[in-house]
Amino acid sequence: MFVVIGVTTHEASVTAFVRDLLCFELAWFAVARVTGGRFLPTWLVGVTLAVGVRAAIVGHLPGAFYGVALGFCALFVLVGRTLLRLRR
């Protein structure tokens, strides 16, 4: 959700969408595999890794983007997990 909302609100290209989606999805799932899917380390390390890889590709690291990525990824994951728990 974070990448979809970010790319659409900033009118970014399809290439930017694919780049960002791959950075976040691959980092998140790679870290989740190592951490056993525990939220806190997966979130912190996964988002940090994704933002770092993205920064290396685009050539700069905007600090605000890192903060927004941390905040919104946490929000979306926690809301999703809460909805799943309520559904059960």
C-alpha atoms as a PDB file:
ATOM      1  CA  MET A   1       0.000   0.000   0.000  1.00  0.00           C
ATOM      2  CA  PHE A   2       2.810   2.400   0.861  1.00  0.00           C
ATOM      3  CA  VAL A   3       4.359   2.181  -2.602  1.00  0.00           C
ATOM      4  CA  VAL A   4       1.009   2.357  -4.411  1.00  0.00           C
ATOM      5  CA  ILE A   5      -0.086   5.444  -2.505  1.00  0.00           C
ATOM      6  CA  GLY A   6       3.315   7.109  -2.781  1.00  0.00           C
ATOM      7  CA  VAL A   7       3.661   6.570  -6.506  1.00  0.00           C
ATOM      8  CA  THR A   8       0.109   7.666  -7.299  1.00  0.00           C
ATOM      9  CA  THR A   9       0.174  10.778  -5.099  1.00  0.00           C
ATOM     10  CA  HIS A  10       3.518  11.855  -6.539  1.00  0.00           C
ATOM     11  CA  GLU A  11       2.548  10.980 -10.123  1.00  0.00           C
ATOM     12  CA  ALA A  12       5.637   8.818 -10.541  1.00  0.00           C
ATOM     13  CA  SER A  13       6.363   6.571 -13.487  1.00  0.00           C
ATOM     14  CA  VAL A  14       5.678   2.866 -13.822  1.00  0.00           C
ATOM     15  CA  THR A  15       9.436   2.337 -13.601  1.00  0.00           C
ATOM     16  CA  ALA A  16       9.520   4.150 -10.246  1.00  0.00           C
ATOM     17  CA  PHE A  17       6.613   2.003  -9.045  1.00  0.00           C
ATOM     18  CA  VAL A  18       8.369  -1.239  -9.981  1.00  0.00           C
ATOM     19  CA  ARG A  19      11.676  -0.053  -8.486  1.00  0.00           C
ATOM     20  CA  ASP A  20      10.130   0.964  -5.175  1.00  0.00           C
ATOM     21  CA  LEU A  21       7.872  -2.081  -4.966  1.00  0.00           C
ATOM     22  CA  LEU A  22      10.800  -4.440  -5.508  1.00  0.00           C
ATOM     23  CA  CYS A  23      12.936  -2.597  -2.954  1.00  0.00           C
ATOM     24  CA  PHE A  24      10.274  -2.760  -0.255  1.00  0.00           C
ATOM     25  CA  GLU A  25       8.864  -6.225  -0.944  1.00  0.00           C
ATOM     26  CA  LEU A  26      12.225  -7.959  -1.310  1.00  0.00           C
ATOM     27  CA  ALA A  27      13.709  -6.242   1.740  1.00  0.00           C
ATOM     28  CA  TRP A  28      10.632  -6.879   3.885  1.00  0.00           C
ATOM     29  CA  PHE A  29      10.333 -10.580   3.065  1.00  0.00           C
ATOM     30  CA  ALA A  30      14.075 -11.231   3.267  1.00  0.00           C
ATOM     31  CA  VAL A  31      14.225  -9.689   6.727  1.00  0.00           C
ATOM     32  CA  ALA A  32      10.983 -11.407   7.807  1.00  0.00           C
ATOM     33  CA  ARG A  33      12.506 -14.742   6.896  1.00  0.00           C
ATOM     34  CA  VAL A  34      15.502 -14.057   9.150  1.00  0.00           C
ATOM     35  CA  THR A  35      13.467 -12.609  12.037  1.00  0.00           C
ATOM     36  CA  GLY A  36      10.695 -15.169  11.920  1.00  0.00           C
ATOM     37  CA  GLY A  37       8.194 -12.497  10.938  1.00  0.00           C
ATOM     38  CA  ARG A  38       8.353 -10.639  14.254  1.00  0.00           C
ATOM     39  CA  PHE A  39       6.996  -7.184  13.558  1.00  0.00           C
ATOM     40  CA  LEU A  40       9.454  -4.836  15.232  1.00  0.00           C
ATOM     41  CA  PRO A  41      12.727  -6.123  13.751  1.00  0.00           C
ATOM     42  CA  THR A  42      11.131  -6.876  10.380  1.00  0.00           C
ATOM     43  CA  TRP A  43       9.653  -3.395  10.197  1.00  0.00           C
ATOM     44  CA  LEU A  44      12.720  -1.491  11.341  1.00  0.00           C
ATOM     45  CA  VAL A  45      15.373  -3.447   9.442  1.00  0.00           C
ATOM     46  CA  GLY A  46      13.189  -4.162   6.402  1.00  0.00           C
ATOM     47  CA  VAL A  47      12.175  -0.553   5.825  1.00  0.00           C
ATOM     48  CA  THR A  48      15.697   0.686   6.548  1.00  0.00           C
ATOM     49  CA  LEU A  49      17.148  -1.777   4.035  1.00  0.00           C
ATOM     50  CA  ALA A  50      14.525  -0.908   1.407  1.00  0.00           C
ATOM     51  CA  VAL A  51      15.101   2.825   1.786  1.00  0.00           C
ATOM     52  CA  GLY A  52      18.873   2.314   1.648  1.00  0.00           C
ATOM     53  CA  VAL A  53      18.724   0.228  -1.523  1.00  0.00           C
ATOM     54  CA  ARG A  54      16.318   2.707  -3.108  1.00  0.00           C
ATOM     55  CA  ALA A  55      18.620   5.596  -2.157  1.00  0.00           C
ATOM     56  CA  ALA A  56      21.570   3.815  -3.769  1.00  0.00           C
ATOM     57  CA  ILE A  57      19.570   3.381  -6.977  1.00  0.00           C
ATOM     58  CA  VAL A  58      18.177   6.925  -7.200  1.00  0.00           C
ATOM     59  CA  GLY A  59      21.337   8.578  -5.917  1.00  0.00           C
ATOM     60  CA  HIS A  60      20.076  10.378  -2.833  1.00  0.00           C
ATOM     61  CA  LEU A  61      18.497   9.697   0.552  1.00  0.00           C
ATOM     62  CA  PRO A  62      15.824  12.175   1.558  1.00  0.00           C
ATOM     63  CA  GLY A  63      15.452  11.933   5.322  1.00  0.00           C
ATOM     64  CA  ALA A  64      11.767  12.791   5.151  1.00  0.00           C
ATOM     65  CA  PHE A  65      11.154   9.797   2.886  1.00  0.00           C
ATOM     66  CA  TYR A  66      12.717   7.479   5.458  1.00  0.00           C
ATOM     67  CA  GLY A  67      10.491   8.841   8.219  1.00  0.00           C
ATOM     68  CA  VAL A  68       7.367   8.624   6.074  1.00  0.00           C
ATOM     69  CA  ALA A  69       8.274   5.084   5.005  1.00  0.00           C
ATOM     70  CA  LEU A  70       8.734   3.973   8.622  1.00  0.00           C
ATOM     71  CA  GLY A  71       5.491   5.582   9.747  1.00  0.00           C
ATOM     72  CA  PHE A  72       3.213   4.466   6.949  1.00  0.00           C
ATOM     73  CA  CYS A  73       4.619   0.939   6.678  1.00  0.00           C
ATOM     74  CA  ALA A  74       4.028   0.487  10.411  1.00  0.00           C
ATOM     75  CA  LEU A  75       0.516   1.896  10.101  1.00  0.00           C
ATOM     76  CA  PHE A  76      -0.457  -0.316   7.169  1.00  0.00           C
ATOM     77  CA  VAL A  77       0.962  -3.502   8.675  1.00  0.00           C
ATOM     78  CA  LEU A  78      -0.568  -2.903  12.101  1.00  0.00           C
ATOM     79  CA  VAL A  79      -3.973  -2.045  10.636  1.00  0.00           C
ATOM     80  CA  GLY A  80      -3.831  -5.155   8.435  1.00  0.00           C
ATOM     81  CA  ARG A  81      -2.871  -7.406  11.334  1.00  0.00           C
ATOM     82  CA  THR A  82      -5.577  -5.897  13.518  1.00  0.00           C
ATOM     83  CA  LEU A  83      -8.225  -6.477  10.860  1.00  0.00           C
ATOM     84  CA  LEU A  84      -7.108 -10.086  10.482  1.00  0.00           C
ATOM     85  CA  ARG A  85      -7.325 -10.642  14.243  1.00  0.00           C
ATOM     86  CA  LEU A  86     -10.800  -9.091  14.378  1.00  0.00           C
ATOM     87  CA  ARG A  87     -11.938 -11.283  11.513  1.00  0.00           C
ATOM     88  CA  ARG A  88     -10.949 -14.469  13.354  1.00  0.00           C
END
